[in-house]
Amino acid sequence: MFIAVYEFEIKEGTEASFRNAWLDVTKAIYKNCGSYGSRLHTSDKPNILVGYAQWPSREQWEKISDLTDEGYQRARNEMRSCLVQSKTVYELEVCDDYLQTSVASE
């Protein structure tokens, strides 16, 4: 499994617009590129959001550049209009995994 971690610095007052556009972008990537989806997180730094996306492989992740869907492009442009800057912080391969979807029962 391949993981990409992104950091987004957004312009003051654009969080709602960015988050809506991020969701549309993420849905298009999930539908068209074979990702497992993504999570967006607020951080302890003002106007900094962190995204985490999972993929079956790096090769699947690289297919984003082939995405030409009109809705994706529109949402991607909206995201960009909200950004001061963005970067891919980490490109990771999972080596061990014990992430659970529920809390352990006692």
C-alpha atoms as a PDB file:
ATOM      1  CA  MET A   1       0.000   0.000   0.000  1.00  0.00           C
ATOM      2  CA  PHE A   2       1.182   3.520  -0.848  1.00  0.00           C
ATOM      3  CA  ILE A   3       0.426   6.621   1.202  1.00  0.00           C
ATOM      4  CA  ALA A   4       0.791  10.280   0.223  1.00  0.00           C
ATOM      5  CA  VAL A   5       0.746  12.967   2.914  1.00  0.00           C
ATOM      6  CA  TYR A   6       0.046  16.548   1.850  1.00  0.00           C
ATOM      7  CA  GLU A   7       0.253  19.884   3.630  1.00  0.00           C
ATOM      8  CA  PHE A   8      -2.009  22.697   2.501  1.00  0.00           C
ATOM      9  CA  GLU A   9      -1.573  26.292   3.610  1.00  0.00           C
ATOM     10  CA  ILE A  10      -4.827  28.044   2.807  1.00  0.00           C
ATOM     11  CA  LYS A  11      -5.717  31.707   2.568  1.00  0.00           C
ATOM     12  CA  GLU A  12      -7.504  33.225   5.545  1.00  0.00           C
ATOM     13  CA  GLY A  13     -11.264  32.755   5.288  1.00  0.00           C
ATOM     14  CA  THR A  14     -11.185  30.029   2.617  1.00  0.00           C
ATOM     15  CA  GLU A  15     -11.433  26.884   4.748  1.00  0.00           C
ATOM     16  CA  ALA A  16     -15.057  26.038   3.849  1.00  0.00           C
ATOM     17  CA  SER A  17     -14.445  26.522   0.114  1.00  0.00           C
ATOM     18  CA  PHE A  18     -11.220  24.544   0.250  1.00  0.00           C
ATOM     19  CA  ARG A  19     -12.793  21.657   2.158  1.00  0.00           C
ATOM     20  CA  ASN A  20     -15.739  21.439  -0.255  1.00  0.00           C
ATOM     21  CA  ALA A  21     -13.424  21.451  -3.264  1.00  0.00           C
ATOM     22  CA  TRP A  22     -11.088  18.939  -1.583  1.00  0.00           C
ATOM     23  CA  LEU A  23     -14.025  16.554  -1.132  1.00  0.00           C
ATOM     24  CA  ASP A  24     -15.009  16.832  -4.806  1.00  0.00           C
ATOM     25  CA  VAL A  25     -11.400  16.288  -5.896  1.00  0.00           C
ATOM     26  CA  THR A  26     -11.058  13.294  -3.581  1.00  0.00           C
ATOM     27  CA  LYS A  27     -14.310  11.726  -4.838  1.00  0.00           C
ATOM     28  CA  ALA A  28     -13.203  12.101  -8.465  1.00  0.00           C
ATOM     29  CA  ILE A  29      -9.813  10.549  -7.723  1.00  0.00           C
ATOM     30  CA  TYR A  30     -11.464   7.678  -5.828  1.00  0.00           C
ATOM     31  CA  LYS A  31     -13.913   7.046  -8.654  1.00  0.00           C
ATOM     32  CA  ASN A  32     -11.504   7.414 -11.580  1.00  0.00           C
ATOM     33  CA  CYS A  33      -8.007   6.573 -10.339  1.00  0.00           C
ATOM     34  CA  GLY A  34      -8.426   3.632  -7.991  1.00  0.00           C
ATOM     35  CA  SER A  35      -7.463   5.240  -4.690  1.00  0.00           C
ATOM     36  CA  TYR A  36      -8.724   4.022  -1.322  1.00  0.00           C
ATOM     37  CA  GLY A  37      -9.780   7.572  -0.467  1.00  0.00           C
ATOM     38  CA  SER A  38      -8.323  10.265   1.707  1.00  0.00           C
ATOM     39  CA  ARG A  39      -8.678  12.110   4.984  1.00  0.00           C
ATOM     40  CA  LEU A  40      -8.255  15.819   5.587  1.00  0.00           C
ATOM     41  CA  HIS A  41      -7.142  17.041   8.995  1.00  0.00           C
ATOM     42  CA  THR A  42      -6.975  20.395  10.701  1.00  0.00           C
ATOM     43  CA  SER A  43      -3.709  21.063  12.492  1.00  0.00           C
ATOM     44  CA  ASP A  44      -2.531  23.066  15.462  1.00  0.00           C
ATOM     45  CA  LYS A  45      -1.224  25.714  13.035  1.00  0.00           C
ATOM     46  CA  PRO A  46      -3.646  28.349  11.718  1.00  0.00           C
ATOM     47  CA  ASN A  47      -4.674  27.826   8.081  1.00  0.00           C
ATOM     48  CA  ILE A  48      -2.704  24.567   7.773  1.00  0.00           C
ATOM     49  CA  LEU A  49      -4.576  21.430   6.732  1.00  0.00           C
ATOM     50  CA  VAL A  50      -3.013  18.000   6.277  1.00  0.00           C
ATOM     51  CA  GLY A  51      -4.281  15.381   3.842  1.00  0.00           C
ATOM     52  CA  TYR A  52      -3.583  11.668   3.912  1.00  0.00           C
ATOM     53  CA  ALA A  53      -4.402   9.514   0.859  1.00  0.00           C
ATOM     54  CA  GLN A  54      -4.151   5.729   0.518  1.00  0.00           C
ATOM     55  CA  TRP A  55      -3.474   3.852  -2.696  1.00  0.00           C
ATOM     56  CA  PRO A  56      -2.985   0.217  -3.653  1.00  0.00           C
ATOM     57  CA  SER A  57       0.383   1.203  -5.195  1.00  0.00           C
ATOM     58  CA  ARG A  58       2.559   4.125  -6.212  1.00  0.00           C
ATOM     59  CA  GLU A  59       1.636   3.358  -9.834  1.00  0.00           C
ATOM     60  CA  GLN A  60      -2.055   3.937  -9.081  1.00  0.00           C
ATOM     61  CA  TRP A  61      -1.193   7.228  -7.355  1.00  0.00           C
ATOM     62  CA  GLU A  62       0.721   8.391 -10.404  1.00  0.00           C
ATOM     63  CA  LYS A  63      -2.437   8.009 -12.549  1.00  0.00           C
ATOM     64  CA  ILE A  64      -3.805  11.252 -11.073  1.00  0.00           C
ATOM     65  CA  SER A  65      -1.935  13.121 -13.792  1.00  0.00           C
ATOM     66  CA  ASP A  66      -4.103  11.319 -16.379  1.00  0.00           C
ATOM     67  CA  LEU A  67      -7.392  12.535 -14.853  1.00  0.00           C
ATOM     68  CA  THR A  68      -9.216  14.908 -17.206  1.00  0.00           C
ATOM     69  CA  ASP A  69     -12.720  14.801 -15.675  1.00  0.00           C
ATOM     70  CA  GLU A  70     -14.337  18.258 -15.955  1.00  0.00           C
ATOM     71  CA  GLY A  71     -15.744  18.200 -12.407  1.00  0.00           C
ATOM     72  CA  TYR A  72     -12.320  17.244 -11.067  1.00  0.00           C
ATOM     73  CA  GLN A  73     -10.634  20.069 -12.956  1.00  0.00           C
ATOM     74  CA  ARG A  74     -13.185  22.617 -11.715  1.00  0.00           C
ATOM     75  CA  ALA A  75     -12.809  21.472  -8.083  1.00  0.00           C
ATOM     76  CA  ARG A  76      -9.001  21.337  -8.402  1.00  0.00           C
ATOM     77  CA  ASN A  77      -8.985  24.938  -9.643  1.00  0.00           C
ATOM     78  CA  GLU A  78     -11.179  25.959  -6.694  1.00  0.00           C
ATOM     79  CA  MET A  79      -8.745  24.272  -4.288  1.00  0.00           C
ATOM     80  CA  ARG A  80      -5.835  26.086  -5.913  1.00  0.00           C
ATOM     81  CA  SER A  81      -7.599  29.439  -5.589  1.00  0.00           C
ATOM     82  CA  CYS A  82      -7.715  28.891  -1.807  1.00  0.00           C
ATOM     83  CA  LEU A  83      -4.043  27.979  -1.451  1.00  0.00           C
ATOM     84  CA  VAL A  84      -1.053  29.966  -0.323  1.00  0.00           C
ATOM     85  CA  GLN A  85       0.999  26.827  -0.992  1.00  0.00           C
ATOM     86  CA  SER A  86       0.803  23.061  -0.927  1.00  0.00           C
ATOM     87  CA  LYS A  87       3.331  20.280  -0.887  1.00  0.00           C
ATOM     88  CA  THR A  88       3.597  16.536  -0.751  1.00  0.00           C
ATOM     89  CA  VAL A  89       5.280  16.062   2.614  1.00  0.00           C
ATOM     90  CA  TYR A  90       5.778  12.296   2.435  1.00  0.00           C
ATOM     91  CA  GLU A  91       5.478   9.481  -0.085  1.00  0.00           C
ATOM     92  CA  LEU A  92       5.269   6.322   2.012  1.00  0.00           C
ATOM     93  CA  GLU A  93       5.158   2.555   1.534  1.00  0.00           C
ATOM     94  CA  VAL A  94       3.387   0.669   4.333  1.00  0.00           C
ATOM     95  CA  CYS A  95       5.788  -1.760   6.015  1.00  0.00           C
ATOM     96  CA  ASP A  96       3.669  -2.762   9.047  1.00  0.00           C
ATOM     97  CA  ASP A  97      -0.040  -2.206   9.602  1.00  0.00           C
ATOM     98  CA  TYR A  98      -2.214  -2.489  12.682  1.00  0.00           C
ATOM     99  CA  LEU A  99      -4.692   0.309  11.996  1.00  0.00           C
ATOM    100  CA  GLN A 100      -8.171  -0.745  13.164  1.00  0.00           C
ATOM    101  CA  THR A 101     -11.644   0.490  12.262  1.00  0.00           C
ATOM    102  CA  SER A 102     -13.066   0.051  15.751  1.00  0.00           C
ATOM    103  CA  VAL A 103     -12.014   0.350  19.377  1.00  0.00           C
ATOM    104  CA  ALA A 104     -10.997  -2.873  21.123  1.00  0.00           C
ATOM    105  CA  SER A 105     -13.757  -4.292  23.269  1.00  0.00           C
ATOM    106  CA  GLU A 106     -12.983  -5.153  26.850  1.00  0.00           C
END
